[in-house]
């Protein structure tokens, strides 16, 4: 079988932490899809309402979710958002970081769906 290439997710990492269990991988993907959708909506709300500390806490949760999918770059950006938002600094950066989170996780979900079909 031809190896699939992914830009956003790290399949080798996902398979490793799931011990290559197809059922576990499928469950993780389902949870990830639900979480990132909730996180995106909540991030937008917290930004709109200027609840920066809470945004930082949510960025911390989101960071864990994307890290499990091997999305190191996005995890680092979320750590930056987490630390800045908890301090209420660099607020002008938050909208772009949130949009990047939404874009990358949407693409990751597409890749995960493609991967699921191949399982």
N, C-alpha and C. Protein backbone atom coordinates (compact mmCIF):
# COMPACT_ATOMS: atom_id res chain seq x y z
N UNK A 1 0.85 -1.19 0.00
CA UNK A 1 0.00 0.00 0.00
C UNK A 1 0.89 1.25 0.00
N UNK A 2 0.53 2.22 -0.80
CA UNK A 2 1.29 3.47 -0.88
C UNK A 2 1.13 4.27 0.40
N UNK A 3 2.24 4.81 0.88
CA UNK A 3 2.21 5.61 2.10
C UNK A 3 1.61 6.98 1.80
N UNK A 4 0.65 7.38 2.63
CA UNK A 4 0.02 8.69 2.45
C UNK A 4 0.89 9.78 3.05
N UNK A 5 0.90 10.91 2.41
CA UNK A 5 1.63 12.08 2.91
C UNK A 5 0.63 13.05 3.53
N UNK A 6 0.97 13.58 4.69
CA UNK A 6 0.11 14.53 5.37
C UNK A 6 0.90 15.76 5.74
N UNK A 7 0.29 16.91 5.55
CA UNK A 7 0.95 18.18 5.83
C UNK A 7 0.75 18.62 7.29
N UNK A 8 -0.39 18.30 7.86
CA UNK A 8 -0.75 18.83 9.18
C UNK A 8 -0.60 17.83 10.32
N UNK A 9 -0.92 16.59 10.07
CA UNK A 9 -0.89 15.59 11.14
C UNK A 9 0.33 14.69 10.99
N UNK A 10 0.67 14.01 12.07
CA UNK A 10 1.79 13.06 12.07
C UNK A 10 1.21 11.68 12.37
N UNK A 11 0.93 10.95 11.31
CA UNK A 11 0.29 9.63 11.45
C UNK A 11 1.17 8.65 12.22
N UNK A 12 2.47 8.68 11.98
CA UNK A 12 3.37 7.76 12.69
C UNK A 12 3.25 7.97 14.20
N UNK A 13 3.19 9.22 14.61
CA UNK A 13 3.06 9.54 16.04
C UNK A 13 1.72 9.04 16.58
N UNK A 14 0.64 9.30 15.85
CA UNK A 14 -0.70 8.85 16.27
C UNK A 14 -0.73 7.33 16.40
N UNK A 15 -0.19 6.63 15.39
CA UNK A 15 -0.18 5.16 15.43
C UNK A 15 0.64 4.65 16.61
N UNK A 16 1.75 5.34 16.88
CA UNK A 16 2.62 4.93 17.98
C UNK A 16 1.92 5.06 19.33
N UNK A 17 1.30 6.23 19.58
CA UNK A 17 0.66 6.41 20.90
C UNK A 17 -0.61 5.56 21.04
N UNK A 18 -1.18 5.13 19.92
CA UNK A 18 -2.37 4.26 19.97
C UNK A 18 -2.00 2.79 19.81
N UNK A 19 -0.70 2.49 19.80
CA UNK A 19 -0.22 1.13 19.63
C UNK A 19 -0.83 0.48 18.37
N UNK A 20 -1.01 1.31 17.35
CA UNK A 20 -1.55 0.90 16.03
C UNK A 20 -2.94 0.27 16.12
N UNK A 21 -3.66 0.53 17.20
CA UNK A 21 -5.02 0.03 17.35
C UNK A 21 -5.96 0.88 16.49
N UNK A 22 -6.55 0.26 15.48
CA UNK A 22 -7.45 0.99 14.59
C UNK A 22 -8.64 1.57 15.34
N UNK A 23 -9.17 0.82 16.28
CA UNK A 23 -10.33 1.30 17.06
C UNK A 23 -9.94 2.51 17.90
N UNK A 24 -8.80 2.45 18.53
CA UNK A 24 -8.34 3.56 19.36
C UNK A 24 -8.05 4.80 18.51
N UNK A 25 -7.42 4.58 17.36
CA UNK A 25 -7.14 5.70 16.44
C UNK A 25 -8.44 6.34 15.99
N UNK A 26 -9.41 5.53 15.61
CA UNK A 26 -10.71 6.06 15.17
C UNK A 26 -11.38 6.85 16.29
N UNK A 27 -11.32 6.33 17.52
CA UNK A 27 -11.90 7.04 18.67
C UNK A 27 -11.20 8.37 18.89
N UNK A 28 -9.88 8.37 18.83
CA UNK A 28 -9.11 9.61 19.03
C UNK A 28 -9.48 10.66 17.97
N UNK A 29 -9.64 10.21 16.75
CA UNK A 29 -9.99 11.13 15.66
C UNK A 29 -11.37 11.73 15.90
N UNK A 30 -12.31 10.90 16.34
CA UNK A 30 -13.66 11.40 16.64
C UNK A 30 -13.63 12.45 17.75
N UNK A 31 -12.89 12.16 18.80
CA UNK A 31 -12.77 13.10 19.91
C UNK A 31 -12.11 14.40 19.45
N UNK A 32 -11.04 14.27 18.67
CA UNK A 32 -10.33 15.45 18.16
C UNK A 32 -11.27 16.33 17.34
N UNK A 33 -12.03 15.71 16.44
CA UNK A 33 -12.96 16.46 15.58
C UNK A 33 -13.95 17.26 16.44
N UNK A 34 -14.52 16.62 17.45
CA UNK A 34 -15.48 17.30 18.33
C UNK A 34 -14.82 18.41 19.13
N UNK A 35 -13.64 18.12 19.69
CA UNK A 35 -12.96 19.10 20.52
C UNK A 35 -12.58 20.35 19.74
N UNK A 36 -11.94 20.18 18.59
CA UNK A 36 -11.45 21.36 17.88
C UNK A 36 -12.60 22.24 17.40
N UNK A 37 -13.72 21.62 17.08
CA UNK A 37 -14.89 22.40 16.68
C UNK A 37 -15.39 23.24 17.86
N UNK A 38 -15.48 22.62 19.04
CA UNK A 38 -15.89 23.34 20.25
C UNK A 38 -14.88 24.43 20.60
N UNK A 39 -13.59 24.08 20.55
CA UNK A 39 -12.55 25.05 20.89
C UNK A 39 -12.62 26.27 19.99
N UNK A 40 -12.83 26.06 18.70
CA UNK A 40 -12.86 27.17 17.74
C UNK A 40 -13.97 28.16 18.09
N UNK A 41 -15.16 27.64 18.33
CA UNK A 41 -16.28 28.51 18.68
C UNK A 41 -16.05 29.24 19.99
N UNK A 42 -15.53 28.52 20.96
CA UNK A 42 -15.29 29.11 22.28
C UNK A 42 -14.17 30.16 22.22
N UNK A 43 -13.13 29.89 21.43
CA UNK A 43 -12.04 30.87 21.29
C UNK A 43 -12.57 32.18 20.72
N UNK A 44 -13.39 32.07 19.69
CA UNK A 44 -13.97 33.27 19.08
C UNK A 44 -14.80 34.05 20.09
N UNK A 45 -15.59 33.33 20.88
CA UNK A 45 -16.44 33.98 21.88
C UNK A 45 -15.59 34.69 22.94
N UNK A 46 -14.59 33.99 23.45
CA UNK A 46 -13.75 34.57 24.49
C UNK A 46 -12.99 35.79 23.97
N UNK A 47 -12.55 35.73 22.72
CA UNK A 47 -11.86 36.87 22.12
C UNK A 47 -12.83 38.05 22.01
N UNK A 48 -14.02 37.77 21.50
CA UNK A 48 -15.02 38.82 21.31
C UNK A 48 -15.37 39.49 22.64
N UNK A 49 -15.45 38.68 23.69
CA UNK A 49 -15.82 39.19 25.01
C UNK A 49 -14.61 39.64 25.83
N UNK A 50 -13.44 39.59 25.20
CA UNK A 50 -12.19 40.03 25.85
C UNK A 50 -11.92 39.29 27.17
N UNK A 51 -12.29 38.03 27.21
CA UNK A 51 -12.02 37.19 28.38
C UNK A 51 -10.69 36.47 28.12
N UNK A 52 -9.62 37.25 28.23
CA UNK A 52 -8.30 36.78 27.80
C UNK A 52 -7.74 35.66 28.67
N UNK A 53 -7.91 35.77 29.97
CA UNK A 53 -7.37 34.71 30.84
C UNK A 53 -8.00 33.36 30.51
N UNK A 54 -9.33 33.37 30.33
CA UNK A 54 -10.05 32.14 29.98
C UNK A 54 -9.61 31.63 28.61
N UNK A 55 -9.32 32.56 27.71
CA UNK A 55 -8.80 32.19 26.38
C UNK A 55 -7.46 31.47 26.54
N UNK A 56 -6.64 31.95 27.45
CA UNK A 56 -5.36 31.28 27.72
C UNK A 56 -5.54 29.86 28.24
N UNK A 57 -6.51 29.69 29.14
CA UNK A 57 -6.80 28.36 29.66
C UNK A 57 -7.28 27.42 28.55
N UNK A 58 -8.12 27.96 27.67
CA UNK A 58 -8.64 27.15 26.56
C UNK A 58 -7.52 26.82 25.57
N UNK A 59 -6.64 27.76 25.33
CA UNK A 59 -5.50 27.50 24.43
C UNK A 59 -4.65 26.36 24.98
N UNK A 60 -4.54 26.30 26.30
CA UNK A 60 -3.78 25.21 26.94
C UNK A 60 -4.44 23.86 26.64
N UNK A 61 -5.76 23.77 26.77
CA UNK A 61 -6.48 22.54 26.46
C UNK A 61 -6.33 22.17 24.99
N UNK A 62 -6.48 23.17 24.13
CA UNK A 62 -6.38 22.94 22.69
C UNK A 62 -4.99 22.46 22.31
N UNK A 63 -3.99 22.99 23.00
CA UNK A 63 -2.60 22.60 22.74
C UNK A 63 -2.42 21.10 22.93
N UNK A 64 -3.01 20.55 23.97
CA UNK A 64 -2.91 19.11 24.23
C UNK A 64 -3.56 18.30 23.11
N UNK A 65 -4.69 18.76 22.64
CA UNK A 65 -5.40 18.05 21.57
C UNK A 65 -4.59 18.01 20.28
N UNK A 66 -4.02 19.15 19.90
CA UNK A 66 -3.28 19.17 18.63
C UNK A 66 -1.94 18.44 18.78
N UNK A 67 -1.35 18.47 19.98
CA UNK A 67 -0.08 17.77 20.20
C UNK A 67 -0.25 16.27 20.01
N UNK A 68 -1.37 15.74 20.45
CA UNK A 68 -1.64 14.30 20.30
C UNK A 68 -1.71 13.91 18.82
N UNK A 69 -2.10 14.84 17.98
CA UNK A 69 -2.16 14.56 16.54
C UNK A 69 -0.82 14.87 15.85
N UNK A 70 0.19 15.17 16.66
CA UNK A 70 1.51 15.41 16.11
C UNK A 70 1.67 16.77 15.46
N UNK A 71 0.82 17.72 15.82
CA UNK A 71 0.84 19.06 15.22
C UNK A 71 1.71 19.98 16.08
N UNK A 72 3.02 19.74 16.06
CA UNK A 72 3.95 20.46 16.94
C UNK A 72 3.95 21.96 16.71
N UNK A 73 3.95 22.37 15.45
CA UNK A 73 4.00 23.79 15.13
C UNK A 73 2.80 24.53 15.71
N UNK A 74 1.62 23.95 15.51
CA UNK A 74 0.40 24.57 16.03
C UNK A 74 0.40 24.53 17.57
N UNK A 75 0.90 23.46 18.15
CA UNK A 75 0.98 23.38 19.62
C UNK A 75 1.85 24.51 20.16
N UNK A 76 2.94 24.82 19.47
CA UNK A 76 3.81 25.93 19.90
C UNK A 76 3.09 27.27 19.80
N UNK A 77 2.31 27.46 18.73
CA UNK A 77 1.55 28.71 18.58
C UNK A 77 0.49 28.83 19.68
N UNK A 78 -0.13 27.71 20.03
CA UNK A 78 -1.13 27.73 21.09
C UNK A 78 -0.49 28.01 22.45
N UNK A 79 0.73 27.53 22.65
CA UNK A 79 1.44 27.85 23.90
C UNK A 79 1.68 29.35 23.98
N UNK A 80 2.07 29.94 22.85
CA UNK A 80 2.27 31.41 22.80
C UNK A 80 0.96 32.12 23.13
N UNK A 81 -0.14 31.67 22.52
CA UNK A 81 -1.45 32.27 22.81
C UNK A 81 -1.80 32.09 24.28
N UNK A 82 -1.58 30.89 24.79
CA UNK A 82 -1.88 30.61 26.20
C UNK A 82 -1.15 31.59 27.13
N UNK A 83 0.15 31.70 26.96
CA UNK A 83 0.95 32.54 27.86
C UNK A 83 0.59 34.01 27.71
N UNK A 84 0.45 34.47 26.48
CA UNK A 84 0.11 35.88 26.26
C UNK A 84 -1.29 36.22 26.77
N UNK A 85 -2.24 35.34 26.50
CA UNK A 85 -3.62 35.61 26.91
C UNK A 85 -3.76 35.61 28.43
N UNK A 86 -3.06 34.71 29.10
CA UNK A 86 -3.12 34.69 30.56
C UNK A 86 -2.58 35.99 31.15
N UNK A 87 -1.62 36.60 30.45
CA UNK A 87 -1.05 37.88 30.90
C UNK A 87 -1.82 39.07 30.33
N UNK A 88 -2.69 38.81 29.34
CA UNK A 88 -3.43 39.90 28.69
C UNK A 88 -2.53 40.78 27.83
N UNK A 89 -1.45 40.21 27.30
CA UNK A 89 -0.51 40.98 26.48
C UNK A 89 -0.58 40.54 25.01
N UNK A 90 -0.12 41.42 24.14
CA UNK A 90 -0.09 41.15 22.68
C UNK A 90 -1.46 40.74 22.16
N UNK A 91 -2.50 41.40 22.65
CA UNK A 91 -3.88 41.04 22.28
C UNK A 91 -4.12 41.18 20.78
N UNK A 92 -3.34 42.02 20.11
CA UNK A 92 -3.50 42.20 18.67
C UNK A 92 -3.13 40.92 17.89
N UNK A 93 -2.38 40.00 18.53
CA UNK A 93 -1.97 38.75 17.87
C UNK A 93 -3.04 37.66 17.98
N UNK A 94 -3.96 37.78 18.92
CA UNK A 94 -4.92 36.71 19.18
C UNK A 94 -5.78 36.33 17.97
N UNK A 95 -6.36 37.32 17.24
CA UNK A 95 -7.23 36.92 16.12
C UNK A 95 -6.51 36.05 15.08
N UNK A 96 -5.27 36.41 14.74
CA UNK A 96 -4.53 35.64 13.73
C UNK A 96 -4.19 34.25 14.26
N UNK A 97 -3.84 34.15 15.55
CA UNK A 97 -3.53 32.84 16.13
C UNK A 97 -4.77 31.95 16.15
N UNK A 98 -5.91 32.53 16.46
CA UNK A 98 -7.16 31.76 16.49
C UNK A 98 -7.54 31.32 15.07
N UNK A 99 -7.42 32.22 14.11
CA UNK A 99 -7.73 31.86 12.71
C UNK A 99 -6.80 30.76 12.22
N UNK A 100 -5.52 30.83 12.61
CA UNK A 100 -4.56 29.80 12.22
C UNK A 100 -4.95 28.47 12.84
N UNK A 101 -5.37 28.49 14.11
CA UNK A 101 -5.83 27.27 14.77
C UNK A 101 -7.00 26.66 13.99
N UNK A 102 -7.97 27.49 13.62
CA UNK A 102 -9.15 27.01 12.91
C UNK A 102 -8.75 26.44 11.55
N UNK A 103 -7.92 27.16 10.81
CA UNK A 103 -7.49 26.70 9.48
C UNK A 103 -6.75 25.37 9.58
N UNK A 104 -5.76 25.31 10.47
CA UNK A 104 -4.96 24.09 10.57
C UNK A 104 -5.76 22.89 11.08
N UNK A 105 -6.64 23.11 12.04
CA UNK A 105 -7.41 21.97 12.55
C UNK A 105 -8.45 21.51 11.53
N UNK A 106 -9.01 22.44 10.75
CA UNK A 106 -9.92 22.03 9.67
C UNK A 106 -9.19 21.16 8.66
N UNK A 107 -7.97 21.56 8.29
CA UNK A 107 -7.18 20.77 7.36
C UNK A 107 -6.79 19.43 7.98
N UNK A 108 -6.46 19.44 9.26
CA UNK A 108 -6.10 18.20 9.95
C UNK A 108 -7.28 17.23 9.95
N UNK A 109 -8.49 17.73 10.18
CA UNK A 109 -9.67 16.87 10.17
C UNK A 109 -9.85 16.24 8.78
N UNK A 110 -9.63 17.01 7.73
CA UNK A 110 -9.71 16.45 6.36
C UNK A 110 -8.70 15.34 6.17
N UNK A 111 -7.47 15.57 6.65
CA UNK A 111 -6.44 14.54 6.52
C UNK A 111 -6.79 13.32 7.35
N UNK A 112 -7.31 13.52 8.55
CA UNK A 112 -7.69 12.40 9.40
C UNK A 112 -8.82 11.60 8.79
N UNK A 113 -9.77 12.28 8.15
CA UNK A 113 -10.86 11.58 7.47
C UNK A 113 -10.31 10.70 6.34
N UNK A 114 -9.36 11.26 5.60
CA UNK A 114 -8.71 10.51 4.51
C UNK A 114 -7.98 9.29 5.07
N UNK A 115 -7.31 9.49 6.18
CA UNK A 115 -6.60 8.40 6.83
C UNK A 115 -7.58 7.33 7.33
N UNK A 116 -8.68 7.75 7.94
CA UNK A 116 -9.68 6.80 8.46
C UNK A 116 -10.19 5.88 7.36
N UNK A 117 -10.42 6.44 6.19
CA UNK A 117 -10.91 5.64 5.05
C UNK A 117 -9.92 4.53 4.71
N UNK A 118 -8.64 4.82 4.90
CA UNK A 118 -7.59 3.85 4.54
C UNK A 118 -7.39 2.77 5.60
N UNK A 119 -7.95 2.95 6.79
CA UNK A 119 -7.73 1.98 7.88
C UNK A 119 -8.34 0.61 7.56
